[in-house]
Amino acid sequence: ALHRRLGVTFVYVTHDQTEALTMSDRVAVFNDGAIQQIDVVGNLYEAPLNRFVAGFVGDSTVLQAEVTRLDGAHCEVRLPCGILLRGLNVNASGVGDKVECGTRPERLKIAEAAGSNTFQSKVLDVIYFGDHLRLRCEMPGQPDATIKMALGHHQLPEPGQTIHVHAPVEHL
């Protein structure tokens, strides 16, 4: 509101990601003095240009995979356990390339059953955050995956339970 009322440009330096995302029109993310990405806050969060930005701004779930097929702006990847997923090909990877597939924990959803762009995962922990739950999940050969769930979800999983997780193509 102050920015709009005064009509001047502010440069605000912070290490607080929440402040940067909520107070800014555009954000520059630096690493070792080099700019990694300058963008509007929505693009910075939803479409990070590299692994550093994805890990620095917000939380990410990252899956190791290999590209098996290209389809315009999308690609198909195979996880080490053999599961095939489709997602955006943000770095113009080629068939056979080893890639890291990133998504935000709030984009992952629990699915009723196996289906398109789903994978099985074992719930390790259910962590209560007050306004939401976080599931820490395990997949063979992968770092732990995090899923953010609303409290009103109709089916709350228990630690040890195997669940189906859906990763929307447009957010992977």
Protein backbone atom coordinates (compact mmCIF):
# COMPACT_ATOMS: atom_id res chain seq x y z
CA ALA A 1 0.00 0.00 0.00
CA LEU A 2 2.87 2.36 0.82
CA HIS A 3 4.51 1.58 -2.51
CA ARG A 4 1.31 2.36 -4.44
CA ARG A 5 0.61 5.54 -2.46
CA LEU A 6 4.12 6.99 -2.89
CA GLY A 7 4.62 5.75 -6.45
CA VAL A 8 8.33 5.10 -6.00
CA THR A 9 10.46 2.03 -6.46
CA PHE A 10 11.72 0.25 -3.35
CA VAL A 11 14.70 -2.08 -3.24
CA TYR A 12 14.38 -4.35 -0.24
CA VAL A 13 17.12 -6.80 0.70
CA THR A 14 16.10 -9.74 2.85
CA HIS A 15 16.83 -13.38 3.52
CA ASP A 16 13.22 -13.93 4.58
CA GLN A 17 11.45 -15.69 1.73
CA THR A 18 7.98 -14.91 3.05
CA GLU A 19 8.77 -11.19 3.16
CA ALA A 20 10.25 -11.30 -0.33
CA LEU A 21 7.24 -13.08 -1.83
CA THR A 22 4.56 -11.04 -0.04
CA MET A 23 6.09 -7.56 -0.32
CA SER A 24 7.51 -7.64 -3.83
CA ASP A 25 6.38 -7.32 -7.42
CA ARG A 26 9.64 -8.86 -8.61
CA VAL A 27 12.34 -10.76 -6.75
CA ALA A 28 15.98 -11.43 -7.56
CA VAL A 29 17.46 -14.63 -6.09
CA PHE A 30 21.24 -14.58 -5.66
CA ASN A 31 23.70 -17.38 -4.96
CA ASP A 32 27.36 -16.57 -4.25
CA GLY A 33 26.85 -13.09 -5.71
CA ALA A 34 25.38 -14.32 -9.00
CA ILE A 35 21.76 -13.74 -9.98
CA GLN A 36 19.98 -17.08 -10.38
CA GLN A 37 16.56 -15.69 -11.38
CA ILE A 38 14.75 -12.34 -11.50
CA ASP A 39 11.02 -12.72 -11.92
CA VAL A 40 7.55 -11.88 -10.68
CA VAL A 41 6.82 -13.74 -7.47
CA GLY A 42 4.36 -16.22 -9.01
CA ASN A 43 6.84 -17.33 -11.67
CA LEU A 44 9.68 -17.48 -9.18
CA TYR A 45 7.71 -19.88 -6.99
CA GLU A 46 5.83 -21.90 -9.64
CA ALA A 47 8.49 -22.02 -12.39
CA PRO A 48 11.98 -21.81 -10.87
CA LEU A 49 14.71 -21.76 -13.51
CA ASN A 50 17.08 -24.06 -11.65
CA ARG A 51 17.47 -26.41 -8.69
CA PHE A 52 18.94 -23.69 -6.46
CA VAL A 53 15.94 -21.39 -6.85
CA ALA A 54 13.50 -24.29 -6.40
CA GLY A 55 15.18 -25.25 -3.14
CA PHE A 56 15.69 -21.71 -1.87
CA VAL A 57 12.19 -20.36 -2.45
CA GLY A 58 9.65 -22.48 -0.60
CA ASP A 59 9.64 -26.23 -0.16
CA SER A 60 10.10 -28.70 -2.98
CA THR A 61 9.68 -32.40 -3.49
CA VAL A 62 12.32 -33.61 -5.94
CA LEU A 63 12.28 -36.96 -7.77
CA GLN A 64 15.28 -38.37 -9.65
CA ALA A 65 14.36 -39.64 -13.12
CA GLU A 66 15.42 -40.18 -16.74
CA VAL A 67 13.69 -38.62 -19.74
CA THR A 68 12.09 -41.31 -21.93
CA ARG A 69 9.99 -39.27 -24.38
CA LEU A 70 9.56 -35.66 -25.52
CA ASP A 71 6.18 -34.13 -26.32
CA GLY A 72 6.40 -30.41 -27.13
CA ALA A 73 6.77 -28.49 -23.87
CA HIS A 74 6.25 -31.72 -21.91
CA CYS A 75 8.28 -34.85 -21.39
CA GLU A 76 7.82 -38.30 -19.96
CA VAL A 77 10.27 -39.51 -17.32
CA ARG A 78 10.96 -42.88 -15.75
CA LEU A 79 11.70 -43.06 -12.03
CA PRO A 80 14.31 -45.66 -10.93
CA CYS A 81 11.45 -47.88 -9.69
CA GLY A 82 10.01 -47.92 -13.26
CA ILE A 83 7.10 -45.52 -12.79
CA LEU A 84 6.42 -43.20 -15.73
CA LEU A 85 5.37 -39.58 -15.11
CA ARG A 86 4.67 -36.63 -17.41
CA GLY A 87 5.70 -33.08 -16.62
CA LEU A 88 6.91 -29.81 -18.04
CA ASN A 89 10.31 -29.89 -19.73
CA VAL A 90 11.54 -26.59 -18.27
CA ASN A 91 15.23 -27.07 -19.11
CA ALA A 92 14.86 -28.52 -22.64
CA SER A 93 16.17 -31.92 -21.55
CA GLY A 94 16.63 -34.65 -24.14
CA VAL A 95 15.72 -38.32 -24.20
CA GLY A 96 18.14 -40.24 -21.98
CA ASP A 97 19.01 -37.23 -19.82
CA LYS A 98 19.06 -37.70 -16.04
CA VAL A 99 16.78 -35.06 -14.53
CA GLU A 100 15.35 -33.87 -11.25
CA CYS A 101 11.57 -33.49 -11.31
CA GLY A 102 10.42 -30.86 -8.87
CA THR A 103 7.01 -29.98 -7.54
CA ARG A 104 5.65 -28.09 -4.56
CA PRO A 105 4.24 -30.10 -1.62
CA GLU A 106 0.84 -28.40 -1.94
CA ARG A 107 0.55 -29.54 -5.57
CA LEU A 108 0.79 -33.25 -4.69
CA LYS A 109 -2.54 -34.89 -3.85
CA ILE A 110 -3.53 -38.24 -2.40
CA ALA A 111 -5.28 -40.30 -5.08
CA GLU A 112 -7.91 -42.97 -4.44
CA ALA A 113 -6.07 -45.49 -6.63
CA ALA A 114 -3.25 -45.84 -9.14
CA GLY A 115 -3.76 -43.77 -12.26
CA SER A 116 -2.18 -41.30 -14.62
CA ASN A 117 0.80 -39.48 -13.08
CA THR A 118 0.55 -41.30 -9.77
CA PHE A 119 3.09 -43.17 -7.72
CA GLN A 120 2.95 -45.20 -4.53
CA SER A 121 4.60 -43.88 -1.42
CA LYS A 122 4.83 -45.03 2.19
CA VAL A 123 3.86 -42.45 4.83
CA LEU A 124 6.72 -42.05 7.31
CA ASP A 125 5.36 -39.17 9.40
CA VAL A 126 2.21 -37.06 9.68
CA ILE A 127 3.23 -33.64 11.00
CA TYR A 128 0.62 -31.20 12.34
CA PHE A 129 1.26 -27.54 11.36
CA GLY A 130 -1.92 -26.00 12.77
CA ASP A 131 -3.50 -24.91 9.49
CA HIS A 132 -2.39 -27.99 7.53
CA LEU A 133 -0.66 -31.36 7.76
CA ARG A 134 2.57 -32.39 6.14
CA LEU A 135 3.18 -35.98 5.18
CA ARG A 136 6.77 -37.13 4.93
CA CYS A 137 6.73 -40.01 2.48
CA GLU A 138 9.24 -42.58 1.26
CA MET A 139 9.80 -43.96 -2.22
CA PRO A 140 12.47 -46.53 -3.08
CA GLY A 141 15.62 -44.85 -4.40
CA GLN A 142 14.31 -41.30 -3.87
CA PRO A 143 14.72 -38.56 -1.27
CA ASP A 144 11.72 -38.27 1.04
CA ALA A 145 8.70 -36.61 -0.59
CA THR A 146 6.62 -34.04 1.26
CA ILE A 147 2.88 -33.61 0.73
CA LYS A 148 0.95 -30.67 2.18
CA MET A 149 -2.66 -31.54 3.08
CA ALA A 150 -5.60 -29.45 4.25
CA LEU A 151 -6.93 -30.42 7.67
CA GLY A 152 -10.41 -31.08 6.30
CA HIS A 153 -9.22 -33.86 3.99
CA HIS A 154 -11.71 -36.74 4.01
CA GLN A 155 -9.09 -39.45 4.57
CA LEU A 156 -6.07 -38.77 6.77
CA PRO A 157 -3.31 -41.35 6.32
CA GLU A 158 -1.39 -42.97 9.16
CA PRO A 159 2.37 -43.55 9.42
CA GLY A 160 3.26 -46.86 7.76
CA GLN A 161 0.35 -46.67 5.31
CA THR A 162 1.03 -46.90 1.57
CA ILE A 163 -0.75 -44.20 -0.44
CA HIS A 164 -1.13 -43.23 -4.09
CA VAL A 165 0.20 -39.75 -4.82
CA HIS A 166 -0.89 -37.73 -7.85
CA ALA A 167 1.52 -35.18 -9.37
CA PRO A 168 -0.32 -32.87 -11.80
CA VAL A 169 1.49 -32.66 -15.15
CA GLU A 170 1.38 -28.84 -15.19
CA HIS A 171 3.10 -28.69 -11.78
CA LEU A 172 5.83 -31.33 -12.26
